[in-house]
Amino acid sequence: MAFHPLQEKGIPFERQVRNWDELNREPYDKNGVHPYTRTRIILMNGIEVEAALFGHQMARQADAYDLKQKLAQVRRIEQQQQKTIHWLIPADESTREATLGYEQVAVDLTAWLAQTEPEENVRNALNFALIEDFDHLHLAAELLDQDEGRDAESLLPSELPELIRFQSNKQYIRSILAAQIDLTADGNMYTPVEALSDSARYFTWQRLVNVDGSAPSQRVIEERIDRHGTDYRLETEGPHPIAELRARARVPAGSLSPAAPQAVRT
């Protein structure tokens, strides 16, 4: 039976939002899963990643603010879809095991497309891709010289800009936390959460995702304290700049309980 997407009824946008329980599904058993279940997951994960990249690129090119808003809403849902699929891959799957899965996807998907492609030139290209590999850089340089008579070095700067330095940014991050922890996006503005109305999208999203009123990260903190007596977080630069987010220890019976940390607002 043929599938015609434009004729399908679809699902209302607000019903597509997943809470954490719906996002965090049980990963497959790498020792018992069917090989083609793995390839389907890899393929769909790749499709969702590409959709996210395409959406970002389209938003960069769009001028209309209303369109940018709609694209942002779609990307948020697609981000959840990608996470749901990607998290089906178990943490104990090695790099080599994952690579084999990706190679299986490449071979079988290309073979299927080659067998179902009606245009001969495209079919020949797909067949060729099954048995050949390219050095994409060295090939691009040759084609540039062949077709345009240009040296590949003419497209590169004479020297690179200052290199990115990977170094500690703790003090900078702490200052941003202290100054902006209560800000959230409101359209194209950054607004303090307390200035939002109860009907703002921020609160709607929180109610949909955190259905029981707390974030999973907070539950992890509480469980850690229950098991080990202390929070798992290290405060190497002194107490957290936000009092409610400071590391805690188990409170002795009969003493006053400290204020529970709140989920970081985004």
Protein backbone atom coordinates (compact mmCIF):
# COMPACT_ATOMS: atom_id res chain seq x y z
CA MET A 1 0.00 0.00 0.00
CA ALA A 2 1.48 3.32 -1.08
CA PHE A 3 2.21 5.97 1.54
CA HIS A 4 1.14 9.54 0.70
CA PRO A 5 2.39 11.81 3.52
CA LEU A 6 0.38 14.86 2.45
CA GLN A 7 -2.82 12.83 2.70
CA GLU A 8 -2.14 11.71 6.27
CA LYS A 9 -3.97 13.41 9.15
CA GLY A 10 -0.84 13.81 11.26
CA ILE A 11 -0.44 14.47 15.00
CA PRO A 12 -1.12 17.88 16.59
CA PHE A 13 2.10 19.67 17.48
CA GLU A 14 1.45 19.82 21.22
CA ARG A 15 0.91 16.06 21.35
CA GLN A 16 4.34 15.37 19.88
CA VAL A 17 6.22 16.63 22.96
CA ARG A 18 7.79 13.75 24.90
CA ASN A 19 8.38 13.67 28.65
CA TRP A 20 11.55 12.14 30.09
CA ASP A 21 10.03 8.70 30.53
CA GLU A 22 9.01 8.68 26.86
CA LEU A 23 12.46 9.88 25.79
CA ASN A 24 14.50 7.45 27.86
CA ARG A 25 13.54 4.02 26.50
CA GLU A 26 15.23 0.70 27.20
CA PRO A 27 18.30 0.26 24.91
CA TYR A 28 18.52 -2.87 22.82
CA ASP A 29 20.67 -5.84 23.88
CA LYS A 30 23.67 -5.73 21.56
CA ASN A 31 24.15 -9.49 21.89
CA GLY A 32 20.58 -10.39 21.00
CA VAL A 33 19.28 -7.62 18.73
CA HIS A 34 18.59 -8.46 15.09
CA PRO A 35 21.28 -6.89 12.84
CA TYR A 36 18.69 -5.07 10.77
CA THR A 37 17.07 -3.61 13.85
CA ARG A 38 20.43 -1.96 14.48
CA THR A 39 20.67 -0.69 10.91
CA ARG A 40 17.16 0.81 11.07
CA ILE A 41 18.06 2.67 14.25
CA ILE A 42 21.30 3.95 12.72
CA LEU A 43 19.49 5.06 9.56
CA MET A 44 16.69 6.83 11.41
CA ASN A 45 19.18 8.52 13.73
CA GLY A 46 21.05 9.80 10.69
CA ILE A 47 17.82 11.08 9.13
CA GLU A 48 16.89 12.94 12.32
CA VAL A 49 20.38 14.48 12.58
CA GLU A 50 20.18 15.62 8.96
CA ALA A 51 16.72 17.09 9.60
CA ALA A 52 18.13 19.10 12.51
CA LEU A 53 21.07 20.37 10.44
CA PHE A 54 18.75 21.26 7.54
CA GLY A 55 16.40 23.11 9.91
CA HIS A 56 19.27 25.15 11.34
CA GLN A 57 20.54 26.02 7.87
CA MET A 58 17.06 27.02 6.71
CA ALA A 59 16.60 29.21 9.78
CA ARG A 60 19.89 30.98 9.01
CA GLN A 61 18.65 31.79 5.50
CA ALA A 62 15.13 32.82 6.53
CA ASP A 63 14.29 36.50 7.00
CA ALA A 64 10.73 36.22 8.32
CA TYR A 65 10.58 36.08 12.11
CA ASP A 66 7.35 34.03 12.12
CA LEU A 67 9.04 31.41 9.95
CA LYS A 68 12.06 31.32 12.26
CA GLN A 69 9.74 30.69 15.21
CA LYS A 70 7.98 27.81 13.47
CA LEU A 71 11.30 26.28 12.45
CA ALA A 72 12.52 26.51 16.05
CA GLN A 73 9.41 24.69 17.29
CA VAL A 74 9.84 21.95 14.70
CA ARG A 75 13.53 21.58 15.57
CA ARG A 76 12.67 21.15 19.24
CA ILE A 77 10.36 18.25 18.45
CA GLU A 78 12.85 16.73 16.01
CA GLN A 79 15.57 17.05 18.64
CA GLN A 80 13.46 14.88 20.95
CA GLN A 81 12.84 12.38 18.16
CA GLN A 82 16.58 12.12 17.50
CA LYS A 83 17.36 11.58 21.17
CA THR A 84 14.68 8.90 21.52
CA ILE A 85 16.18 6.97 18.61
CA HIS A 86 19.85 7.54 19.48
CA TRP A 87 19.39 6.47 23.10
CA LEU A 88 18.24 3.04 21.91
CA ILE A 89 21.94 2.32 21.26
CA PRO A 90 23.42 0.78 24.43
CA ALA A 91 26.36 2.37 26.21
CA ASP A 92 28.35 -0.88 26.13
CA GLU A 93 28.46 -0.98 22.34
CA SER A 94 32.10 -0.49 21.30
CA THR A 95 33.36 1.80 18.55
CA ARG A 96 34.17 -1.19 16.36
CA GLU A 97 30.71 -2.68 16.85
CA ALA A 98 29.11 0.65 15.97
CA THR A 99 31.35 1.00 12.91
CA LEU A 100 30.25 -2.38 11.62
CA GLY A 101 26.64 -1.28 11.96
CA TYR A 102 27.29 1.93 10.01
CA GLU A 103 29.07 -0.02 7.27
CA GLN A 104 26.13 -2.41 7.08
CA VAL A 105 23.78 0.54 6.66
CA ALA A 106 25.95 2.03 3.91
CA VAL A 107 26.19 -1.21 1.95
CA ASP A 108 22.59 -2.37 2.22
CA LEU A 109 21.04 1.07 1.75
CA THR A 110 23.18 1.79 -1.32
CA ALA A 111 22.42 -1.65 -2.74
CA TRP A 112 18.68 -1.14 -2.26
CA LEU A 113 18.75 2.28 -3.89
CA ALA A 114 20.79 0.93 -6.80
CA GLN A 115 18.24 -1.83 -7.41
CA THR A 116 15.25 0.50 -7.28
CA GLU A 117 16.72 3.52 -9.12
CA PRO A 118 15.17 3.85 -12.64
CA GLU A 119 17.70 6.40 -13.98
CA GLU A 120 20.72 4.59 -15.42
CA ASN A 121 23.40 7.18 -14.62
CA VAL A 122 22.31 7.44 -10.99
CA ARG A 123 22.11 3.66 -10.75
CA ASN A 124 25.63 3.31 -12.11
CA ALA A 125 26.90 5.83 -9.57
CA LEU A 126 25.27 3.89 -6.74
CA ASN A 127 26.74 0.63 -7.97
CA PHE A 128 30.14 2.26 -8.19
CA ALA A 129 29.82 3.55 -4.63
CA LEU A 130 29.32 -0.01 -3.41
CA ILE A 131 32.83 -1.07 -4.34
CA GLU A 132 34.87 2.13 -4.38
CA ASP A 133 36.05 4.60 -1.78
CA PHE A 134 37.29 8.11 -2.39
CA ASP A 135 39.82 10.42 -0.89
CA HIS A 136 37.37 13.32 -0.92
CA LEU A 137 39.92 16.10 -0.41
CA HIS A 138 42.63 14.93 -2.88
CA LEU A 139 39.71 14.23 -5.57
CA ALA A 140 38.10 17.70 -4.94
CA ALA A 141 41.46 19.35 -5.56
CA GLU A 142 41.88 17.49 -8.84
CA LEU A 143 38.40 18.39 -10.06
CA LEU A 144 38.91 22.05 -9.15
CA ASP A 145 42.10 22.15 -11.21
CA GLN A 146 40.54 20.19 -14.08
CA ASP A 147 37.23 22.04 -14.38
CA GLU A 148 38.16 25.57 -13.27
CA GLY A 149 41.90 25.72 -13.69
CA ARG A 150 42.32 26.81 -10.08
CA ASP A 151 44.77 25.66 -7.46
CA ALA A 152 43.09 24.35 -4.32
CA GLU A 153 45.49 26.44 -2.24
CA SER A 154 43.86 29.58 -3.67
CA LEU A 155 40.78 28.77 -1.58
CA LEU A 156 42.73 28.48 1.65
CA PRO A 157 44.07 31.36 3.77
CA SER A 158 47.79 31.99 3.75
CA GLU A 159 47.80 31.43 7.48
CA LEU A 160 45.30 30.18 9.99
CA PRO A 161 43.66 32.52 12.54
CA GLU A 162 44.52 32.21 16.21
CA LEU A 163 43.93 28.66 17.29
CA ILE A 164 41.14 27.76 19.69
CA ARG A 165 42.54 27.10 23.13
CA PHE A 166 41.03 24.42 25.31
CA GLN A 167 41.51 25.75 28.79
CA SER A 168 39.61 26.20 32.03
CA ASN A 169 36.70 28.64 31.80
CA LYS A 170 35.32 28.04 35.27
CA GLN A 171 35.47 31.65 36.44
CA TYR A 172 33.79 32.95 33.28
CA ILE A 173 31.05 30.33 33.50
CA ARG A 174 30.48 31.09 37.19
CA SER A 175 30.06 34.78 36.40
CA ILE A 176 27.52 34.00 33.67
CA LEU A 177 25.62 31.67 35.99
CA ALA A 178 25.46 34.34 38.67
CA ALA A 179 24.26 37.01 36.24
CA GLN A 180 21.94 35.06 33.93
CA ILE A 181 20.65 31.92 35.67
CA ASP A 182 17.08 33.27 35.69
CA LEU A 183 16.99 34.26 32.01
CA THR A 184 15.05 32.30 29.43
CA ALA A 185 14.20 32.84 25.78
CA ASP A 186 10.94 34.65 25.16
CA GLY A 187 10.56 34.88 21.39
CA ASN A 188 13.72 36.66 20.28
CA MET A 189 14.32 38.26 23.69
CA TYR A 190 16.03 37.04 26.88
CA THR A 191 13.67 37.56 29.79
CA PRO A 192 13.78 36.74 33.53
CA VAL A 193 11.53 33.78 34.26
CA GLU A 194 9.69 35.70 36.96
CA ALA A 195 8.63 38.28 34.36
CA LEU A 196 6.82 35.69 32.23
CA SER A 197 3.09 35.14 32.34
CA ASP A 198 1.73 31.78 33.50
CA SER A 199 0.76 30.99 29.91
CA ALA A 200 4.27 31.54 28.55
CA ARG A 201 5.76 28.78 26.41
CA TYR A 202 8.52 28.23 29.00
CA PHE A 203 6.04 27.05 31.65
CA THR A 204 4.02 25.05 29.13
CA TRP A 205 7.17 23.19 28.11
CA GLN A 206 8.18 22.54 31.73
CA ARG A 207 4.76 21.08 32.51
CA LEU A 208 4.90 18.79 29.47
CA VAL A 209 8.44 17.52 29.96
CA ASN A 210 8.73 17.45 33.75
CA VAL A 211 5.36 15.85 34.35
CA ASP A 212 5.96 15.18 38.04
CA GLY A 213 7.32 18.65 38.72
CA SER A 214 11.01 17.80 38.96
CA ALA A 215 13.85 17.26 36.52
CA PRO A 216 15.58 13.85 36.27
CA SER A 217 18.90 15.51 37.18
CA GLN A 218 17.40 16.53 40.52
CA ARG A 219 16.30 12.96 41.20
CA VAL A 220 19.86 11.77 40.49
CA ILE A 221 21.16 14.26 43.08
CA GLU A 222 18.66 13.12 45.69
CA GLU A 223 19.41 9.43 45.09
CA ARG A 224 23.15 10.09 45.37
CA ILE A 225 22.67 11.82 48.71
CA ASP A 226 20.49 8.96 49.98
CA ARG A 227 23.09 6.34 49.01
CA HIS A 228 26.36 8.09 49.87
CA GLY A 229 25.43 10.90 52.22
CA THR A 230 26.80 13.66 49.97
CA ASP A 231 26.14 15.31 46.65
CA TYR A 232 28.21 14.13 43.67
CA ARG A 233 29.22 17.64 42.59
CA LEU A 234 32.64 19.12 43.33
CA GLU A 235 32.94 22.83 44.12
CA THR A 236 36.61 23.31 43.30
CA GLU A 237 36.24 27.06 42.88
CA GLY A 238 34.24 27.64 46.04
CA PRO A 239 30.47 27.43 46.66
CA HIS A 240 28.24 27.49 43.60
CA PRO A 241 27.34 31.11 42.75
CA ILE A 242 23.65 30.17 42.97
CA ALA A 243 22.74 29.27 46.54
CA GLU A 244 19.98 26.84 45.55
CA LEU A 245 22.39 24.84 43.39
CA ARG A 246 25.19 24.36 45.90
CA ALA A 247 26.36 20.85 46.69
CA ARG A 248 24.64 19.32 49.71
CA ALA A 249 25.05 16.54 52.24
CA ARG A 250 22.43 14.45 54.01
CA VAL A 251 20.72 16.49 56.70
CA PRO A 252 20.83 14.81 60.17
CA ALA A 253 17.46 13.81 61.55
CA GLY A 254 15.78 16.59 63.48
CA SER A 255 17.68 19.41 61.81
CA LEU A 256 16.27 21.91 59.35
CA SER A 257 16.33 20.84 55.71
CA PRO A 258 18.10 23.16 53.27
CA ALA A 259 16.23 24.50 50.31
CA ALA A 260 16.13 21.95 47.52
CA PRO A 261 18.01 22.97 44.37
CA GLN A 262 15.89 23.95 41.43
CA ALA A 263 16.41 22.70 37.90
CA VAL A 264 18.63 24.99 35.84
CA ARG A 265 16.44 27.16 33.65
CA THR A 266 17.13 27.24 29.95
